[in-house]
Amino acid sequence: MCLGIPMQIIEINGYTARCAAKGVEREASLFLLQDEQLAPGDFVIIHLGYVIQKMTSQEAYSAWALYDQILAADA
């Protein structure tokens, strides 16, 4: 099973975004969403190092809550 991880864009440099979620920062390629208007502060889904979709903050927080429940149940 593969999961896309919601993250918030911190900085954009060309086609690369520095993103953060729950204290973890990663760089991700914006190449797949070249036509999308993205800016620091936007929430996106990252899969295999690529930003694949823009999302709302509410969608990101809901996904993080579900992932926390899954991890808690697994512990």
PDB file of N, CA and C in Angstrom:
ATOM      1  N   MET A   1       0.841  -1.169   0.000  1.00  0.00           N
ATOM      2  CA  MET A   1       0.000   0.000   0.000  1.00  0.00           C
ATOM      3  C   MET A   1       0.890   1.238   0.000  1.00  0.00           C
ATOM      4  N   CYS A   2       0.580   2.175  -0.862  1.00  0.00           N
ATOM      5  CA  CYS A   2       1.336   3.424  -0.939  1.00  0.00           C
ATOM      6  C   CYS A   2       0.456   4.570  -0.470  1.00  0.00           C
ATOM      7  N   LEU A   3       1.043   5.463   0.292  1.00  0.00           N
ATOM      8  CA  LEU A   3       0.301   6.599   0.812  1.00  0.00           C
ATOM      9  C   LEU A   3       0.914   7.897   0.326  1.00  0.00           C
ATOM     10  N   GLY A   4       0.060   8.852  -0.002  1.00  0.00           N
ATOM     11  CA  GLY A   4       0.516  10.207  -0.238  1.00  0.00           C
ATOM     12  C   GLY A   4       0.490  10.921   1.099  1.00  0.00           C
ATOM     13  N   ILE A   5       1.502  11.695   1.383  1.00  0.00           N
ATOM     14  CA  ILE A   5       1.621  12.356   2.670  1.00  0.00           C
ATOM     15  C   ILE A   5       1.307  13.840   2.524  1.00  0.00           C
ATOM     16  N   PRO A   6       0.357  14.351   3.282  1.00  0.00           N
ATOM     17  CA  PRO A   6       0.070  15.785   3.238  1.00  0.00           C
ATOM     18  C   PRO A   6       1.214  16.570   3.880  1.00  0.00           C
ATOM     19  N   MET A   7       1.637  17.619   3.204  1.00  0.00           N
ATOM     20  CA  MET A   7       2.679  18.494   3.732  1.00  0.00           C
ATOM     21  C   MET A   7       2.352  19.931   3.346  1.00  0.00           C
ATOM     22  N   GLN A   8       2.959  20.860   4.067  1.00  0.00           N
ATOM     23  CA  GLN A   8       2.770  22.272   3.768  1.00  0.00           C
ATOM     24  C   GLN A   8       4.034  22.824   3.114  1.00  0.00           C
ATOM     25  N   ILE A   9       3.857  23.561   2.040  1.00  0.00           N
ATOM     26  CA  ILE A   9       4.999  24.151   1.348  1.00  0.00           C
ATOM     27  C   ILE A   9       5.578  25.283   2.196  1.00  0.00           C
ATOM     28  N   ILE A  10       6.880  25.211   2.403  1.00  0.00           N
ATOM     29  CA  ILE A  10       7.592  26.256   3.150  1.00  0.00           C
ATOM     30  C   ILE A  10       8.262  27.227   2.189  1.00  0.00           C
ATOM     31  N   GLU A  11       8.856  26.675   1.128  1.00  0.00           N
ATOM     32  CA  GLU A  11       9.635  27.486   0.199  1.00  0.00           C
ATOM     33  C   GLU A  11       9.620  26.835  -1.172  1.00  0.00           C
ATOM     34  N   ILE A  12       9.606  27.649  -2.206  1.00  0.00           N
ATOM     35  CA  ILE A  12       9.669  27.144  -3.577  1.00  0.00           C
ATOM     36  C   ILE A  12      10.890  27.732  -4.261  1.00  0.00           C
ATOM     37  N   ASN A  13      11.645  26.840  -4.920  1.00  0.00           N
ATOM     38  CA  ASN A  13      12.820  27.251  -5.676  1.00  0.00           C
ATOM     39  C   ASN A  13      12.750  26.552  -7.032  1.00  0.00           C
ATOM     40  N   GLY A  14      12.256  27.251  -8.034  1.00  0.00           N
ATOM     41  CA  GLY A  14      12.084  26.637  -9.350  1.00  0.00           C
ATOM     42  C   GLY A  14      11.001  25.575  -9.295  1.00  0.00           C
ATOM     43  N   TYR A  15      11.369  24.341  -9.660  1.00  0.00           N
ATOM     44  CA  TYR A  15      10.420  23.223  -9.616  1.00  0.00           C
ATOM     45  C   TYR A  15      10.635  22.342  -8.388  1.00  0.00           C
ATOM     46  N   THR A  16      11.239  22.894  -7.349  1.00  0.00           N
ATOM     47  CA  THR A  16      11.462  22.149  -6.110  1.00  0.00           C
ATOM     48  C   THR A  16      10.840  22.918  -4.954  1.00  0.00           C
ATOM     49  N   ALA A  17      10.115  22.204  -4.109  1.00  0.00           N
ATOM     50  CA  ALA A  17       9.502  22.809  -2.932  1.00  0.00           C
ATOM     51  C   ALA A  17      10.071  22.169  -1.678  1.00  0.00           C
ATOM     52  N   ARG A  18      10.355  22.988  -0.684  1.00  0.00           N
ATOM     53  CA  ARG A  18      10.699  22.461   0.632  1.00  0.00           C
ATOM     54  C   ARG A  18       9.393  22.443   1.411  1.00  0.00           C
ATOM     55  N   CYS A  19       9.049  21.262   1.923  1.00  0.00           N
ATOM     56  CA  CYS A  19       7.760  21.061   2.579  1.00  0.00           C
ATOM     57  C   CYS A  19       7.966  20.515   3.990  1.00  0.00           C
ATOM     58  N   ALA A  20       6.968  20.724   4.843  1.00  0.00           N
ATOM     59  CA  ALA A  20       7.055  20.253   6.226  1.00  0.00           C
ATOM     60  C   ALA A  20       5.726  19.664   6.677  1.00  0.00           C
ATOM     61  N   ALA A  21       5.842  18.685   7.577  1.00  0.00           N
ATOM     62  CA  ALA A  21       4.674  18.082   8.222  1.00  0.00           C
ATOM     63  C   ALA A  21       5.122  17.445   9.519  1.00  0.00           C
ATOM     64  N   LYS A  22       4.486  17.838  10.603  1.00  0.00           N
ATOM     65  CA  LYS A  22       4.735  17.225  11.913  1.00  0.00           C
ATOM     66  C   LYS A  22       6.222  17.216  12.282  1.00  0.00           C
ATOM     67  N   GLY A  23       6.915  18.311  11.989  1.00  0.00           N
ATOM     68  CA  GLY A  23       8.318  18.440  12.362  1.00  0.00           C
ATOM     69  C   GLY A  23       9.312  17.830  11.395  1.00  0.00           C
ATOM     70  N   VAL A  24       8.839  17.260  10.304  1.00  0.00           N
ATOM     71  CA  VAL A  24       9.715  16.645   9.307  1.00  0.00           C
ATOM     72  C   VAL A  24       9.705  17.517   8.052  1.00  0.00           C
ATOM     73  N   GLU A  25      10.884  17.788   7.508  1.00  0.00           N
ATOM     74  CA  GLU A  25      10.986  18.560   6.271  1.00  0.00           C
ATOM     75  C   GLU A  25      11.549  17.685   5.156  1.00  0.00           C
ATOM     76  N   ARG A  26      11.020  17.906   3.951  1.00  0.00           N
ATOM     77  CA  ARG A  26      11.470  17.172   2.776  1.00  0.00           C
ATOM     78  C   ARG A  26      11.435  18.104   1.574  1.00  0.00           C
ATOM     79  N   GLU A  27      12.252  17.785   0.576  1.00  0.00           N
ATOM     80  CA  GLU A  27      12.164  18.462  -0.705  1.00  0.00           C
ATOM     81  C   GLU A  27      11.349  17.591  -1.644  1.00  0.00           C
ATOM     82  N   ALA A  28      10.528  18.241  -2.464  1.00  0.00           N
ATOM     83  CA  ALA A  28       9.682  17.511  -3.398  1.00  0.00           C
ATOM     84  C   ALA A  28       9.632  18.249  -4.720  1.00  0.00           C
ATOM     85  N   SER A  29       9.511  17.496  -5.791  1.00  0.00           N
ATOM     86  CA  SER A  29       9.447  18.063  -7.127  1.00  0.00           C
ATOM     87  C   SER A  29       8.038  18.579  -7.417  1.00  0.00           C
ATOM     88  N   LEU A  30       7.973  19.751  -8.022  1.00  0.00           N
ATOM     89  CA  LEU A  30       6.704  20.331  -8.459  1.00  0.00           C
ATOM     90  C   LEU A  30       6.432  20.056  -9.931  1.00  0.00           C
ATOM     91  N   PHE A  31       7.268  19.263 -10.558  1.00  0.00           N
ATOM     92  CA  PHE A  31       7.213  19.035 -11.996  1.00  0.00           C
ATOM     93  C   PHE A  31       5.840  18.567 -12.473  1.00  0.00           C
ATOM     94  N   LEU A  32       5.163  17.714 -11.701  1.00  0.00           N
ATOM     95  CA  LEU A  32       3.873  17.172 -12.133  1.00  0.00           C
ATOM     96  C   LEU A  32       2.747  18.196 -12.075  1.00  0.00           C
ATOM     97  N   LEU A  33       2.937  19.271 -11.336  1.00  0.00           N
ATOM     98  CA  LEU A  33       1.899  20.301 -11.211  1.00  0.00           C
ATOM     99  C   LEU A  33       2.391  21.643 -11.760  1.00  0.00           C
ATOM    100  N   GLN A  34       3.052  21.612 -12.890  1.00  0.00           N
ATOM    101  CA  GLN A  34       3.614  22.824 -13.482  1.00  0.00           C
ATOM    102  C   GLN A  34       2.561  23.897 -13.755  1.00  0.00           C
ATOM    103  N   ASP A  35       1.352  23.487 -14.089  1.00  0.00           N
ATOM    104  CA  ASP A  35       0.299  24.442 -14.435  1.00  0.00           C
ATOM    105  C   ASP A  35      -0.492  24.922 -13.220  1.00  0.00           C
ATOM    106  N   GLU A  36      -0.231  24.373 -12.057  1.00  0.00           N
ATOM    107  CA  GLU A  36      -0.941  24.739 -10.821  1.00  0.00           C
ATOM    108  C   GLU A  36      -0.241  25.926 -10.167  1.00  0.00           C
ATOM    109  N   GLN A  37      -1.012  26.864  -9.649  1.00  0.00           N
ATOM    110  CA  GLN A  37      -0.455  28.003  -8.919  1.00  0.00           C
ATOM    111  C   GLN A  37      -0.214  27.571  -7.473  1.00  0.00           C
ATOM    112  N   LEU A  38       1.040  27.346  -7.108  1.00  0.00           N
ATOM    113  CA  LEU A  38       1.398  26.935  -5.754  1.00  0.00           C
ATOM    114  C   LEU A  38       2.256  28.016  -5.115  1.00  0.00           C
ATOM    115  N   ALA A  39       2.094  28.163  -3.796  1.00  0.00           N
ATOM    116  CA  ALA A  39       2.836  29.184  -3.069  1.00  0.00           C
ATOM    117  C   ALA A  39       3.155  28.670  -1.674  1.00  0.00           C
ATOM    118  N   PRO A  40       4.163  29.248  -1.026  1.00  0.00           N
ATOM    119  CA  PRO A  40       4.428  28.881   0.372  1.00  0.00           C
ATOM    120  C   PRO A  40       3.149  29.049   1.202  1.00  0.00           C
ATOM    121  N   GLY A  41       2.922  28.059   2.062  1.00  0.00           N
ATOM    122  CA  GLY A  41       1.707  28.042   2.866  1.00  0.00           C
ATOM    123  C   GLY A  41       0.658  27.086   2.341  1.00  0.00           C
ATOM    124  N   ASP A  42       0.739  26.736   1.050  1.00  0.00           N
ATOM    125  CA  ASP A  42      -0.218  25.785   0.471  1.00  0.00           C
ATOM    126  C   ASP A  42       0.037  24.381   1.009  1.00  0.00           C
ATOM    127  N   PHE A  43      -1.027  23.593   1.085  1.00  0.00           N
ATOM    128  CA  PHE A  43      -0.939  22.199   1.480  1.00  0.00           C
ATOM    129  C   PHE A  43      -1.005  21.337   0.230  1.00  0.00           C
ATOM    130  N   VAL A  44      -0.159  20.310   0.188  1.00  0.00           N
ATOM    131  CA  VAL A  44      -0.071  19.422  -0.966  1.00  0.00           C
ATOM    132  C   VAL A  44       0.095  17.983  -0.505  1.00  0.00           C
ATOM    133  N   ILE A  45      -0.148  17.060  -1.425  1.00  0.00           N
ATOM    134  CA  ILE A  45       0.108  15.643  -1.165  1.00  0.00           C
ATOM    135  C   ILE A  45       1.400  15.275  -1.883  1.00  0.00           C
ATOM    136  N   ILE A  46       2.300  14.623  -1.152  1.00  0.00           N
ATOM    137  CA  ILE A  46       3.574  14.205  -1.715  1.00  0.00           C
ATOM    138  C   ILE A  46       3.613  12.680  -1.770  1.00  0.00           C
ATOM    139  N   HIS A  47       4.008  12.165  -2.926  1.00  0.00           N
ATOM    140  CA  HIS A  47       4.145  10.721  -3.120  1.00  0.00           C
ATOM    141  C   HIS A  47       5.434  10.476  -3.887  1.00  0.00           C
ATOM    142  N   LEU A  48       6.314   9.687  -3.313  1.00  0.00           N
ATOM    143  CA  LEU A  48       7.585   9.326  -3.933  1.00  0.00           C
ATOM    144  C   LEU A  48       8.404  10.541  -4.369  1.00  0.00           C
ATOM    145  N   GLY A  49       8.365  11.594  -3.558  1.00  0.00           N
ATOM    146  CA  GLY A  49       9.181  12.769  -3.828  1.00  0.00           C
ATOM    147  C   GLY A  49       8.582  13.750  -4.806  1.00  0.00           C
ATOM    148  N   TYR A  50       7.332  13.529  -5.216  1.00  0.00           N
ATOM    149  CA  TYR A  50       6.650  14.429  -6.146  1.00  0.00           C
ATOM    150  C   TYR A  50       5.386  14.986  -5.503  1.00  0.00           C
ATOM    151  N   VAL A  51       5.144  16.269  -5.698  1.00  0.00           N
ATOM    152  CA  VAL A  51       3.871  16.860  -5.306  1.00  0.00           C
ATOM    153  C   VAL A  51       2.859  16.417  -6.353  1.00  0.00           C
ATOM    154  N   ILE A  52       1.791  15.732  -5.910  1.00  0.00           N
ATOM    155  CA  ILE A  52       0.831  15.191  -6.874  1.00  0.00           C
ATOM    156  C   ILE A  52      -0.527  15.879  -6.829  1.00  0.00           C
ATOM    157  N   GLN A  53      -0.786  16.663  -5.765  1.00  0.00           N
ATOM    158  CA  GLN A  53      -2.089  17.301  -5.680  1.00  0.00           C
ATOM    159  C   GLN A  53      -2.060  18.414  -4.646  1.00  0.00           C
ATOM    160  N   LYS A  54      -2.771  19.493  -4.932  1.00  0.00           N
ATOM    161  CA  LYS A  54      -2.975  20.558  -3.955  1.00  0.00           C
ATOM    162  C   LYS A  54      -4.204  20.191  -3.129  1.00  0.00           C
ATOM    163  N   MET A  55      -4.203  20.541  -1.849  1.00  0.00           N
ATOM    164  CA  MET A  55      -5.333  20.224  -0.983  1.00  0.00           C
ATOM    165  C   MET A  55      -5.587  21.382  -0.028  1.00  0.00           C
ATOM    166  N   THR A  56      -6.733  21.343   0.642  1.00  0.00           N
ATOM    167  CA  THR A  56      -7.040  22.374   1.628  1.00  0.00           C
ATOM    168  C   THR A  56      -6.366  22.032   2.952  1.00  0.00           C
ATOM    169  N   SER A  57      -6.258  23.003   3.820  1.00  0.00           N
ATOM    170  CA  SER A  57      -5.681  22.746   5.141  1.00  0.00           C
ATOM    171  C   SER A  57      -6.547  21.757   5.912  1.00  0.00           C
ATOM    172  N   GLN A  58      -7.863  21.845   5.773  1.00  0.00           N
ATOM    173  CA  GLN A  58      -8.757  20.917   6.473  1.00  0.00           C
ATOM    174  C   GLN A  58      -8.538  19.479   6.006  1.00  0.00           C
ATOM    175  N   GLU A  59      -8.347  19.280   4.711  1.00  0.00           N
ATOM    176  CA  GLU A  59      -8.071  17.938   4.192  1.00  0.00           C
ATOM    177  C   GLU A  59      -6.755  17.408   4.752  1.00  0.00           C
ATOM    178  N   ALA A  60      -5.746  18.271   4.845  1.00  0.00           N
ATOM    179  CA  ALA A  60      -4.447  17.848   5.383  1.00  0.00           C
ATOM    180  C   ALA A  60      -4.574  17.455   6.846  1.00  0.00           C
ATOM    181  N   TYR A  61      -5.243  18.284   7.647  1.00  0.00           N
ATOM    182  CA  TYR A  61      -5.400  17.976   9.071  1.00  0.00           C
ATOM    183  C   TYR A  61      -6.216  16.698   9.288  1.00  0.00           C
ATOM    184  N   SER A  62      -7.223  16.481   8.466  1.00  0.00           N
ATOM    185  CA  SER A  62      -8.025  15.254   8.565  1.00  0.00           C
ATOM    186  C   SER A  62      -7.182  14.023   8.240  1.00  0.00           C
ATOM    187  N   ALA A  63      -6.355  14.118   7.206  1.00  0.00           N
ATOM    188  CA  ALA A  63      -5.485  12.992   6.833  1.00  0.00           C
ATOM    189  C   ALA A  63      -4.485  12.704   7.945  1.00  0.00           C
ATOM    190  N   TRP A  64      -3.875  13.767   8.526  1.00  0.00           N
ATOM    191  CA  TRP A  64      -2.920  13.555   9.615  1.00  0.00           C
ATOM    192  C   TRP A  64      -3.597  12.883  10.805  1.00  0.00           C
ATOM    193  N   ALA A  65      -4.840  13.268  11.103  1.00  0.00           N
ATOM    194  CA  ALA A  65      -5.576  12.658  12.216  1.00  0.00           C
ATOM    195  C   ALA A  65      -5.818  11.172  11.947  1.00  0.00           C
ATOM    196  N   LEU A  66      -6.165  10.838  10.715  1.00  0.00           N
ATOM    197  CA  LEU A  66      -6.378   9.423  10.372  1.00  0.00           C
ATOM    198  C   LEU A  66      -5.083   8.625  10.467  1.00  0.00           C
ATOM    199  N   TYR A  67      -3.988   9.200   9.976  1.00  0.00           N
ATOM    200  CA  TYR A  67      -2.704   8.504  10.066  1.00  0.00           C
ATOM    201  C   TYR A  67      -2.295   8.301  11.517  1.00  0.00           C
ATOM    202  N   ASP A  68      -2.568   9.289  12.375  1.00  0.00           N
ATOM    203  CA  ASP A  68      -2.255   9.138  13.807  1.00  0.00           C
ATOM    204  C   ASP A  68      -3.072   8.006  14.424  1.00  0.00           C
ATOM    205  N   GLN A  69      -4.348   7.878  14.023  1.00  0.00           N
ATOM    206  CA  GLN A  69      -5.193   6.788  14.526  1.00  0.00           C
ATOM    207  C   GLN A  69      -4.662   5.425  14.069  1.00  0.00           C
ATOM    208  N   ILE A  70      -4.231   5.345  12.833  1.00  0.00           N
ATOM    209  CA  ILE A  70      -3.688   4.087  12.309  1.00  0.00           C
ATOM    210  C   ILE A  70      -2.425   3.694  13.089  1.00  0.00           C
ATOM    211  N   LEU A  71      -1.546   4.662  13.310  1.00  0.00           N
ATOM    212  CA  LEU A  71      -0.307   4.381  14.046  1.00  0.00           C
ATOM    213  C   LEU A  71      -0.599   4.000  15.493  1.00  0.00           C
ATOM    214  N   ALA A  72      -1.570   4.625  16.105  1.00  0.00           N
ATOM    215  CA  ALA A  72      -1.930   4.316  17.490  1.00  0.00           C
ATOM    216  C   ALA A  72      -2.503   2.905  17.590  1.00  0.00           C
ATOM    217  N   ALA A  73      -3.312   2.516  16.611  1.00  0.00           N
ATOM    218  CA  ALA A  73      -3.908   1.184  16.621  1.00  0.00           C
ATOM    219  C   ALA A  73      -2.866   0.103  16.396  1.00  0.00           C
ATOM    220  N   ASP A  74      -1.829   0.448  15.651  1.00  0.00           N
ATOM    221  CA  ASP A  74      -0.765  -0.506  15.342  1.00  0.00           C
ATOM    222  C   ASP A  74       0.192  -0.696  16.523  1.00  0.00           C
ATOM    223  N   ALA A  75       0.249   0.284  17.418  1.00  0.00           N
ATOM    224  CA  ALA A  75       1.195   0.226  18.548  1.00  0.00           C
ATOM    225  C   ALA A  75       0.782  -0.732  19.632  1.00  0.00           C
TER     226      ALA A  75
END
